[in-house]
């Protein structure tokens, strides 16, 4: 699916990925991007958290989820590769309010031959 983590106050994208495919529960690591020639993308744990917390909603292909977090992920949790040049206090301690928006493109249950 596609997801964006944006600043809650400014609305500017902090991290965005399109056409990513990953196994639910295996966030916090790299996953493939379903575009020929594209590099692998980091999937932050907060993306999986909003899917697991959406027990009230019927999840289906094409579904959109949005969550607002008063204390969002740290830069290191959001994407370690992008946060590596930051001072360690900011990389591990800065938790701005964010909005996480997720668009589920396809669902593969893993049972297909």
C-alpha atoms as a PDB file:
ATOM      1  CA  UNK A   1       0.000   0.000   0.000  1.00  0.00           C
ATOM      2  CA  UNK A   2       0.849   3.663   0.143  1.00  0.00           C
ATOM      3  CA  UNK A   3       1.497   5.564   3.337  1.00  0.00           C
ATOM      4  CA  UNK A   4       2.602   8.977   4.474  1.00  0.00           C
ATOM      5  CA  UNK A   5       3.725  10.174   7.882  1.00  0.00           C
ATOM      6  CA  UNK A   6       3.129  13.922   8.038  1.00  0.00           C
ATOM      7  CA  UNK A   7       3.546  16.599  10.657  1.00  0.00           C
ATOM      8  CA  UNK A   8       0.235  17.103  12.451  1.00  0.00           C
ATOM      9  CA  UNK A   9       0.647  20.861  12.681  1.00  0.00           C
ATOM     10  CA  UNK A  10       2.254  21.695   9.325  1.00  0.00           C
ATOM     11  CA  UNK A  11       0.908  18.852   7.193  1.00  0.00           C
ATOM     12  CA  UNK A  12       4.274  18.456   5.499  1.00  0.00           C
ATOM     13  CA  UNK A  13       5.334  14.899   4.700  1.00  0.00           C
ATOM     14  CA  UNK A  14       8.083  13.572   6.950  1.00  0.00           C
ATOM     15  CA  UNK A  15       8.244  10.204   5.186  1.00  0.00           C
ATOM     16  CA  UNK A  16       6.277   8.757   2.278  1.00  0.00           C
ATOM     17  CA  UNK A  17       6.282   5.417   0.439  1.00  0.00           C
ATOM     18  CA  UNK A  18       4.136   4.295  -2.494  1.00  0.00           C
ATOM     19  CA  UNK A  19       3.392   0.726  -3.646  1.00  0.00           C
ATOM     20  CA  UNK A  20       5.081  -0.957  -0.685  1.00  0.00           C
ATOM     21  CA  UNK A  21       4.378  -4.583   0.128  1.00  0.00           C
ATOM     22  CA  UNK A  22       5.063  -6.075   3.547  1.00  0.00           C
ATOM     23  CA  UNK A  23       3.827  -8.728   5.961  1.00  0.00           C
ATOM     24  CA  UNK A  24       1.700  -7.331   8.769  1.00  0.00           C
ATOM     25  CA  UNK A  25       3.668  -7.638  11.996  1.00  0.00           C
ATOM     26  CA  UNK A  26       7.026  -7.318  10.255  1.00  0.00           C
ATOM     27  CA  UNK A  27       7.242  -3.526  10.300  1.00  0.00           C
ATOM     28  CA  UNK A  28      10.411  -1.825  11.478  1.00  0.00           C
ATOM     29  CA  UNK A  29      12.434  -3.225   8.594  1.00  0.00           C
ATOM     30  CA  UNK A  30      12.790  -2.931   4.839  1.00  0.00           C
ATOM     31  CA  UNK A  31      10.158  -4.270   2.458  1.00  0.00           C
ATOM     32  CA  UNK A  32       9.848  -4.473  -1.292  1.00  0.00           C
ATOM     33  CA  UNK A  33       8.289  -1.793  -3.457  1.00  0.00           C
ATOM     34  CA  UNK A  34       6.039  -3.086  -6.223  1.00  0.00           C
ATOM     35  CA  UNK A  35       7.553  -0.911  -8.950  1.00  0.00           C
ATOM     36  CA  UNK A  36      10.127  -2.377 -11.378  1.00  0.00           C
ATOM     37  CA  UNK A  37      13.589  -1.074 -10.582  1.00  0.00           C
ATOM     38  CA  UNK A  38      12.543   0.588  -7.309  1.00  0.00           C
ATOM     39  CA  UNK A  39      14.666   0.380  -4.175  1.00  0.00           C
ATOM     40  CA  UNK A  40      13.459  -1.322  -1.017  1.00  0.00           C
ATOM     41  CA  UNK A  41      11.586   0.906   1.433  1.00  0.00           C
ATOM     42  CA  UNK A  42      11.679   1.135   5.222  1.00  0.00           C
ATOM     43  CA  UNK A  43       8.300   0.390   6.839  1.00  0.00           C
ATOM     44  CA  UNK A  44       7.996   2.154  10.220  1.00  0.00           C
ATOM     45  CA  UNK A  45       6.322   0.285  13.073  1.00  0.00           C
ATOM     46  CA  UNK A  46       3.662   3.016  13.412  1.00  0.00           C
ATOM     47  CA  UNK A  47       2.186   1.955  10.038  1.00  0.00           C
ATOM     48  CA  UNK A  48       1.500  -1.573  11.260  1.00  0.00           C
ATOM     49  CA  UNK A  49       0.191  -0.225  14.545  1.00  0.00           C
ATOM     50  CA  UNK A  50      -2.634   1.692  12.876  1.00  0.00           C
ATOM     51  CA  UNK A  51      -3.670  -1.436  10.944  1.00  0.00           C
ATOM     52  CA  UNK A  52      -3.668  -3.576  14.091  1.00  0.00           C
ATOM     53  CA  UNK A  53      -5.542  -0.888  16.051  1.00  0.00           C
ATOM     54  CA  UNK A  54      -8.268  -0.638  13.405  1.00  0.00           C
ATOM     55  CA  UNK A  55     -10.363  -3.437  14.922  1.00  0.00           C
ATOM     56  CA  UNK A  56     -13.516  -1.349  14.541  1.00  0.00           C
ATOM     57  CA  UNK A  57     -13.166  -1.097  10.776  1.00  0.00           C
ATOM     58  CA  UNK A  58     -13.652  -3.667   8.064  1.00  0.00           C
ATOM     59  CA  UNK A  59     -10.351  -3.681   6.210  1.00  0.00           C
ATOM     60  CA  UNK A  60     -10.471  -4.319   2.480  1.00  0.00           C
ATOM     61  CA  UNK A  61      -8.561  -3.491  -0.695  1.00  0.00           C
ATOM     62  CA  UNK A  62      -8.876   0.229  -1.394  1.00  0.00           C
ATOM     63  CA  UNK A  63      -9.446   1.060   2.278  1.00  0.00           C
ATOM     64  CA  UNK A  64      -7.890   4.193   3.796  1.00  0.00           C
ATOM     65  CA  UNK A  65      -6.826   4.488   7.426  1.00  0.00           C
ATOM     66  CA  UNK A  66      -5.660   7.587   9.230  1.00  0.00           C
ATOM     67  CA  UNK A  67      -4.326   7.971  12.755  1.00  0.00           C
ATOM     68  CA  UNK A  68      -3.243  11.029  14.679  1.00  0.00           C
ATOM     69  CA  UNK A  69      -0.454  10.579  17.194  1.00  0.00           C
ATOM     70  CA  UNK A  70       0.323  13.174  19.834  1.00  0.00           C
ATOM     71  CA  UNK A  71       3.834  11.744  20.158  1.00  0.00           C
ATOM     72  CA  UNK A  72       4.848  10.236  16.834  1.00  0.00           C
ATOM     73  CA  UNK A  73       7.826   8.042  16.005  1.00  0.00           C
ATOM     74  CA  UNK A  74      11.351   9.303  16.561  1.00  0.00           C
ATOM     75  CA  UNK A  75      13.392  10.009  13.417  1.00  0.00           C
ATOM     76  CA  UNK A  76      15.305   6.754  14.020  1.00  0.00           C
ATOM     77  CA  UNK A  77      12.041   4.780  14.222  1.00  0.00           C
ATOM     78  CA  UNK A  78      10.656   6.556  11.165  1.00  0.00           C
ATOM     79  CA  UNK A  79      13.673   5.781   8.946  1.00  0.00           C
ATOM     80  CA  UNK A  80      17.132   4.931  10.349  1.00  0.00           C
ATOM     81  CA  UNK A  81      18.849   5.701   7.048  1.00  0.00           C
ATOM     82  CA  UNK A  82      17.528   9.240   6.964  1.00  0.00           C
ATOM     83  CA  UNK A  83      18.161   9.851  10.684  1.00  0.00           C
ATOM     84  CA  UNK A  84      21.764   8.631  10.751  1.00  0.00           C
ATOM     85  CA  UNK A  85      23.192  12.130  10.275  1.00  0.00           C
ATOM     86  CA  UNK A  86      21.190  13.687  13.116  1.00  0.00           C
ATOM     87  CA  UNK A  87      22.581  14.231  16.603  1.00  0.00           C
ATOM     88  CA  UNK A  88      21.753  11.151  18.689  1.00  0.00           C
ATOM     89  CA  UNK A  89      19.543  13.113  21.109  1.00  0.00           C
ATOM     90  CA  UNK A  90      17.348  14.309  18.255  1.00  0.00           C
ATOM     91  CA  UNK A  91      17.421  10.991  16.396  1.00  0.00           C
ATOM     92  CA  UNK A  92      16.199   9.048  19.434  1.00  0.00           C
ATOM     93  CA  UNK A  93      14.337  11.689  21.449  1.00  0.00           C
ATOM     94  CA  UNK A  94      12.377  13.948  19.086  1.00  0.00           C
ATOM     95  CA  UNK A  95       8.730  12.770  18.909  1.00  0.00           C
ATOM     96  CA  UNK A  96       6.638  15.377  17.051  1.00  0.00           C
ATOM     97  CA  UNK A  97       2.857  15.025  16.677  1.00  0.00           C
ATOM     98  CA  UNK A  98       2.095  13.282  13.377  1.00  0.00           C
ATOM     99  CA  UNK A  99      -0.693  12.037  11.168  1.00  0.00           C
ATOM    100  CA  UNK A 100      -0.216   8.596   9.592  1.00  0.00           C
ATOM    101  CA  UNK A 101      -2.307   7.951   6.491  1.00  0.00           C
ATOM    102  CA  UNK A 102      -2.398   4.503   4.862  1.00  0.00           C
ATOM    103  CA  UNK A 103      -4.049   3.344   1.639  1.00  0.00           C
ATOM    104  CA  UNK A 104      -4.360  -0.452   1.359  1.00  0.00           C
ATOM    105  CA  UNK A 105      -3.981  -1.324  -2.330  1.00  0.00           C
ATOM    106  CA  UNK A 106      -4.034  -5.134  -2.226  1.00  0.00           C
ATOM    107  CA  UNK A 107      -4.258  -7.829   0.409  1.00  0.00           C
ATOM    108  CA  UNK A 108      -2.458 -11.136  -0.073  1.00  0.00           C
ATOM    109  CA  UNK A 109      -3.414 -13.754   2.469  1.00  0.00           C
ATOM    110  CA  UNK A 110      -0.448 -15.933   1.544  1.00  0.00           C
ATOM    111  CA  UNK A 111      -2.617 -18.942   0.620  1.00  0.00           C
ATOM    112  CA  UNK A 112      -2.480 -18.329  -3.115  1.00  0.00           C
ATOM    113  CA  UNK A 113      -0.463 -20.915  -5.084  1.00  0.00           C
END
